Amino acid sequence: MQTNLMTIGGLDLKPSEVFMLTGMLARPDHTHAPEKEPDEIDRAALDMLVLEGIIERFRTPAGEWLDAWVVTDAAIGWVEEPEVNADIELAKRLFKDCLDS
């Protein structure tokens, strides 16, 4: 049975989730703060990454949710594990090859 999932450090994620994560990791502050509301695919990826504990969403002091997310400290440590780092690097090469085509 074929799936549309990628395994990153033993965690099965959709390609859109891995793409979002690698993009956030590439930024110096590890954030994603789009100027406009994320589209349906990006929003689903962000929501799943939040549910997995990989990223968290920012809130205002009043408790309102912002359209801004950051990679958690725990996920930064997870990404630094050799197996996870190798999986992420492979995914980045796959995405680069797809985008260059």
N, C-alpha and C. Protein backbone atom coordinates (compact mmCIF):
# COMPACT_ATOMS: atom_id res chain seq x y z
N MET A 1 0.85 -1.18 0.00
CA MET A 1 0.00 0.00 0.00
C MET A 1 0.89 1.25 0.00
N GLN A 2 0.63 2.13 -0.93
CA GLN A 2 1.42 3.36 -1.04
C GLN A 2 0.78 4.46 -0.21
N THR A 3 1.61 5.24 0.47
CA THR A 3 1.11 6.38 1.24
C THR A 3 1.73 7.65 0.71
N ASN A 4 1.15 8.76 1.08
CA ASN A 4 1.69 10.06 0.71
C ASN A 4 2.39 10.70 1.90
N LEU A 5 2.99 9.87 2.75
CA LEU A 5 3.65 10.38 3.94
C LEU A 5 5.15 10.27 3.82
N MET A 6 5.85 11.16 4.50
CA MET A 6 7.30 11.12 4.59
C MET A 6 7.63 10.85 6.05
N THR A 7 8.60 10.00 6.30
CA THR A 7 9.00 9.69 7.66
C THR A 7 10.21 10.54 8.03
N ILE A 8 10.02 11.35 9.05
CA ILE A 8 11.09 12.21 9.57
C ILE A 8 11.33 11.80 11.01
N GLY A 9 12.48 11.19 11.26
CA GLY A 9 12.80 10.77 12.61
C GLY A 9 11.75 9.87 13.23
N GLY A 10 11.15 9.00 12.42
CA GLY A 10 10.12 8.09 12.90
C GLY A 10 8.73 8.67 12.94
N LEU A 11 8.57 9.93 12.59
CA LEU A 11 7.27 10.60 12.59
C LEU A 11 6.77 10.71 11.15
N ASP A 12 5.58 10.21 10.88
CA ASP A 12 5.01 10.29 9.53
C ASP A 12 4.31 11.63 9.33
N LEU A 13 4.79 12.39 8.35
CA LEU A 13 4.23 13.70 8.03
C LEU A 13 3.92 13.77 6.55
N LYS A 14 2.93 14.57 6.21
CA LYS A 14 2.62 14.83 4.81
C LYS A 14 3.73 15.70 4.22
N PRO A 15 3.96 15.59 2.91
CA PRO A 15 4.98 16.45 2.29
C PRO A 15 4.77 17.94 2.58
N SER A 16 3.52 18.39 2.62
CA SER A 16 3.26 19.81 2.90
C SER A 16 3.71 20.19 4.31
N GLU A 17 3.59 19.26 5.25
CA GLU A 17 4.03 19.51 6.62
C GLU A 17 5.55 19.57 6.71
N VAL A 18 6.20 18.65 6.00
CA VAL A 18 7.67 18.64 5.98
C VAL A 18 8.18 19.89 5.29
N PHE A 19 7.54 20.29 4.18
CA PHE A 19 7.93 21.50 3.46
C PHE A 19 7.80 22.72 4.37
N MET A 20 6.70 22.81 5.11
CA MET A 20 6.50 23.93 6.03
C MET A 20 7.58 23.92 7.11
N LEU A 21 7.85 22.75 7.68
CA LEU A 21 8.86 22.65 8.73
C LEU A 21 10.24 23.03 8.22
N THR A 22 10.64 22.52 7.06
CA THR A 22 11.97 22.85 6.54
C THR A 22 12.08 24.33 6.23
N GLY A 23 11.00 24.94 5.78
CA GLY A 23 11.01 26.38 5.53
C GLY A 23 11.20 27.16 6.82
N MET A 24 10.53 26.74 7.88
CA MET A 24 10.66 27.42 9.16
C MET A 24 12.07 27.23 9.73
N LEU A 25 12.60 26.03 9.58
CA LEU A 25 13.96 25.77 10.08
C LEU A 25 15.01 26.56 9.33
N ALA A 26 14.73 26.92 8.09
CA ALA A 26 15.68 27.67 7.28
C ALA A 26 15.75 29.15 7.70
N ARG A 27 14.74 29.63 8.40
CA ARG A 27 14.73 31.02 8.85
C ARG A 27 15.52 31.13 10.16
N PRO A 28 16.29 32.20 10.32
CA PRO A 28 17.10 32.35 11.55
C PRO A 28 16.28 32.30 12.83
N ASP A 29 15.04 32.81 12.80
CA ASP A 29 14.22 32.82 14.02
C ASP A 29 13.25 31.64 14.09
N HIS A 30 13.30 30.74 13.08
CA HIS A 30 12.46 29.53 13.02
C HIS A 30 10.97 29.83 13.11
N THR A 31 10.54 30.91 12.48
CA THR A 31 9.13 31.29 12.53
C THR A 31 8.48 31.23 11.15
N HIS A 32 7.16 31.30 11.18
CA HIS A 32 6.36 31.46 9.97
C HIS A 32 5.28 32.47 10.32
N ALA A 33 5.34 33.63 9.69
CA ALA A 33 4.38 34.70 9.96
C ALA A 33 3.98 35.33 8.63
N PRO A 34 3.06 34.68 7.91
CA PRO A 34 2.66 35.19 6.59
C PRO A 34 1.94 36.53 6.71
N GLU A 35 2.04 37.32 5.65
CA GLU A 35 1.38 38.62 5.65
C GLU A 35 -0.13 38.50 5.55
N LYS A 36 -0.60 37.44 4.87
CA LYS A 36 -2.04 37.21 4.80
C LYS A 36 -2.35 35.84 5.38
N GLU A 37 -3.62 35.58 5.64
CA GLU A 37 -4.02 34.32 6.25
C GLU A 37 -3.56 33.14 5.39
N PRO A 38 -3.01 32.09 6.02
CA PRO A 38 -2.52 30.94 5.26
C PRO A 38 -3.65 30.28 4.46
N ASP A 39 -3.29 29.73 3.30
CA ASP A 39 -4.28 29.01 2.51
C ASP A 39 -4.60 27.68 3.21
N GLU A 40 -5.53 26.93 2.65
CA GLU A 40 -6.03 25.71 3.28
C GLU A 40 -4.92 24.67 3.50
N ILE A 41 -4.04 24.48 2.52
CA ILE A 41 -2.97 23.49 2.63
C ILE A 41 -1.96 23.91 3.69
N ASP A 42 -1.54 25.17 3.65
CA ASP A 42 -0.58 25.65 4.66
C ASP A 42 -1.19 25.58 6.06
N ARG A 43 -2.46 25.96 6.17
CA ARG A 43 -3.11 25.95 7.48
C ARG A 43 -3.20 24.53 8.04
N ALA A 44 -3.53 23.57 7.18
CA ALA A 44 -3.59 22.18 7.62
C ALA A 44 -2.21 21.70 8.07
N ALA A 45 -1.16 22.08 7.34
CA ALA A 45 0.21 21.70 7.71
C ALA A 45 0.59 22.32 9.05
N LEU A 46 0.29 23.59 9.22
CA LEU A 46 0.59 24.27 10.49
C LEU A 46 -0.16 23.62 11.65
N ASP A 47 -1.44 23.34 11.45
CA ASP A 47 -2.24 22.73 12.50
C ASP A 47 -1.67 21.37 12.91
N MET A 48 -1.27 20.56 11.93
CA MET A 48 -0.74 19.24 12.26
C MET A 48 0.60 19.35 12.98
N LEU A 49 1.45 20.29 12.55
CA LEU A 49 2.73 20.48 13.24
C LEU A 49 2.53 20.95 14.68
N VAL A 50 1.49 21.75 14.91
CA VAL A 50 1.15 22.16 16.28
C VAL A 50 0.70 20.93 17.08
N LEU A 51 -0.18 20.13 16.49
CA LEU A 51 -0.68 18.95 17.19
C LEU A 51 0.44 17.97 17.52
N GLU A 52 1.46 17.89 16.66
CA GLU A 52 2.60 17.01 16.90
C GLU A 52 3.58 17.60 17.91
N GLY A 53 3.39 18.86 18.30
CA GLY A 53 4.28 19.51 19.26
C GLY A 53 5.57 20.04 18.65
N ILE A 54 5.60 20.11 17.32
CA ILE A 54 6.80 20.57 16.63
C ILE A 54 6.86 22.09 16.57
N ILE A 55 5.70 22.71 16.41
CA ILE A 55 5.63 24.17 16.40
C ILE A 55 4.55 24.62 17.38
N GLU A 56 4.59 25.91 17.70
CA GLU A 56 3.53 26.48 18.52
C GLU A 56 3.10 27.81 17.91
N ARG A 57 1.88 28.18 18.19
CA ARG A 57 1.31 29.41 17.64
C ARG A 57 1.40 30.51 18.68
N PHE A 58 1.68 31.72 18.21
CA PHE A 58 1.77 32.87 19.10
C PHE A 58 0.38 33.38 19.47
N ARG A 59 0.29 33.91 20.68
CA ARG A 59 -0.94 34.55 21.17
C ARG A 59 -0.60 35.96 21.64
N THR A 60 -1.59 36.83 21.59
CA THR A 60 -1.43 38.16 22.17
C THR A 60 -1.54 38.04 23.68
N PRO A 61 -1.12 39.08 24.42
CA PRO A 61 -1.28 39.04 25.88
C PRO A 61 -2.75 38.86 26.30
N ALA A 62 -3.68 39.29 25.43
CA ALA A 62 -5.10 39.14 25.73
C ALA A 62 -5.61 37.73 25.39
N GLY A 63 -4.75 36.89 24.83
CA GLY A 63 -5.14 35.52 24.54
C GLY A 63 -5.64 35.26 23.13
N GLU A 64 -5.60 36.28 22.27
CA GLU A 64 -6.04 36.09 20.88
C GLU A 64 -4.93 35.44 20.07
N TRP A 65 -5.33 34.50 19.18
CA TRP A 65 -4.35 33.81 18.35
C TRP A 65 -3.87 34.71 17.22
N LEU A 66 -2.59 34.65 16.96
CA LEU A 66 -1.98 35.38 15.85
C LEU A 66 -1.65 34.40 14.73
N ASP A 67 -1.55 34.90 13.50
CA ASP A 67 -1.10 34.07 12.39
C ASP A 67 0.43 34.10 12.35
N ALA A 68 1.02 33.53 13.40
CA ALA A 68 2.47 33.45 13.53
C ALA A 68 2.80 32.21 14.35
N TRP A 69 3.77 31.44 13.88
CA TRP A 69 4.15 30.18 14.51
C TRP A 69 5.66 30.12 14.66
N VAL A 70 6.15 29.31 15.60
CA VAL A 70 7.58 29.14 15.83
C VAL A 70 7.86 27.66 16.13
N VAL A 71 9.01 27.19 15.72
CA VAL A 71 9.44 25.84 16.04
C VAL A 71 9.75 25.79 17.53
N THR A 72 9.27 24.77 18.22
CA THR A 72 9.48 24.66 19.67
C THR A 72 10.95 24.32 19.97
N ASP A 73 11.36 24.64 21.18
CA ASP A 73 12.72 24.30 21.62
C ASP A 73 12.93 22.79 21.59
N ALA A 74 11.92 22.03 21.98
CA ALA A 74 12.03 20.56 21.97
C ALA A 74 12.24 20.06 20.54
N ALA A 75 11.55 20.66 19.58
CA ALA A 75 11.69 20.24 18.18
C ALA A 75 13.07 20.61 17.63
N ILE A 76 13.63 21.73 18.08
CA ILE A 76 14.98 22.11 17.66
C ILE A 76 15.95 21.02 18.12
N GLY A 77 15.81 20.56 19.35
CA GLY A 77 16.65 19.48 19.85
C GLY A 77 16.44 18.19 19.07
N TRP A 78 15.19 17.89 18.73
CA TRP A 78 14.84 16.70 17.96
C TRP A 78 15.48 16.75 16.58
N VAL A 79 15.42 17.90 15.93
CA VAL A 79 15.98 18.08 14.59
C VAL A 79 17.49 17.90 14.60
N GLU A 80 18.14 18.18 15.71
CA GLU A 80 19.59 18.04 15.80
C GLU A 80 20.04 16.59 15.96
N GLU A 81 19.10 15.68 16.23
CA GLU A 81 19.46 14.25 16.30
C GLU A 81 19.90 13.80 14.91
N PRO A 82 20.99 13.02 14.82
CA PRO A 82 21.54 12.66 13.51
C PRO A 82 20.53 12.04 12.53
N GLU A 83 19.69 11.11 13.01
CA GLU A 83 18.72 10.47 12.12
C GLU A 83 17.70 11.47 11.59
N VAL A 84 17.21 12.31 12.48
CA VAL A 84 16.21 13.31 12.09
C VAL A 84 16.84 14.32 11.14
N ASN A 85 18.04 14.78 11.46
CA ASN A 85 18.73 15.74 10.62
C ASN A 85 18.95 15.16 9.22
N ALA A 86 19.33 13.90 9.14
CA ALA A 86 19.53 13.25 7.83
C ALA A 86 18.22 13.19 7.05
N ASP A 87 17.11 12.87 7.74
CA ASP A 87 15.80 12.83 7.08
C ASP A 87 15.41 14.21 6.55
N ILE A 88 15.67 15.24 7.35
CA ILE A 88 15.32 16.61 6.94
C ILE A 88 16.18 17.04 5.75
N GLU A 89 17.45 16.74 5.79
CA GLU A 89 18.33 17.10 4.67
C GLU A 89 17.90 16.40 3.38
N LEU A 90 17.51 15.14 3.47
CA LEU A 90 17.01 14.41 2.31
C LEU A 90 15.74 15.06 1.79
N ALA A 91 14.82 15.41 2.68
CA ALA A 91 13.58 16.06 2.27
C ALA A 91 13.87 17.40 1.58
N LYS A 92 14.81 18.18 2.13
CA LYS A 92 15.15 19.47 1.51
C LYS A 92 15.68 19.27 0.09
N ARG A 93 16.52 18.24 -0.11
CA ARG A 93 17.03 17.96 -1.46
C ARG A 93 15.91 17.55 -2.40
N LEU A 94 14.97 16.73 -1.90
CA LEU A 94 13.83 16.33 -2.73
C LEU A 94 12.99 17.53 -3.13
N PHE A 95 12.72 18.42 -2.16
CA PHE A 95 11.92 19.62 -2.47
C PHE A 95 12.67 20.51 -3.45
N LYS A 96 13.98 20.67 -3.27
CA LYS A 96 14.75 21.51 -4.17
C LYS A 96 14.71 20.94 -5.58
N ASP A 97 14.87 19.63 -5.72
CA ASP A 97 14.81 19.00 -7.04
C ASP A 97 13.45 19.20 -7.68
N CYS A 98 12.39 19.10 -6.89
CA CYS A 98 11.03 19.29 -7.43
C CYS A 98 10.80 20.74 -7.85
N LEU A 99 11.29 21.68 -7.04
CA LEU A 99 11.09 23.10 -7.34
C LEU A 99 11.94 23.54 -8.54
N ASP A 100 13.10 22.90 -8.71
CA ASP A 100 13.98 23.25 -9.83
C ASP A 100 13.49 22.68 -11.15
N SER A 101 12.62 21.70 -11.11
CA SER A 101 12.12 21.05 -12.34
C SER A 101 11.14 21.91 -13.09
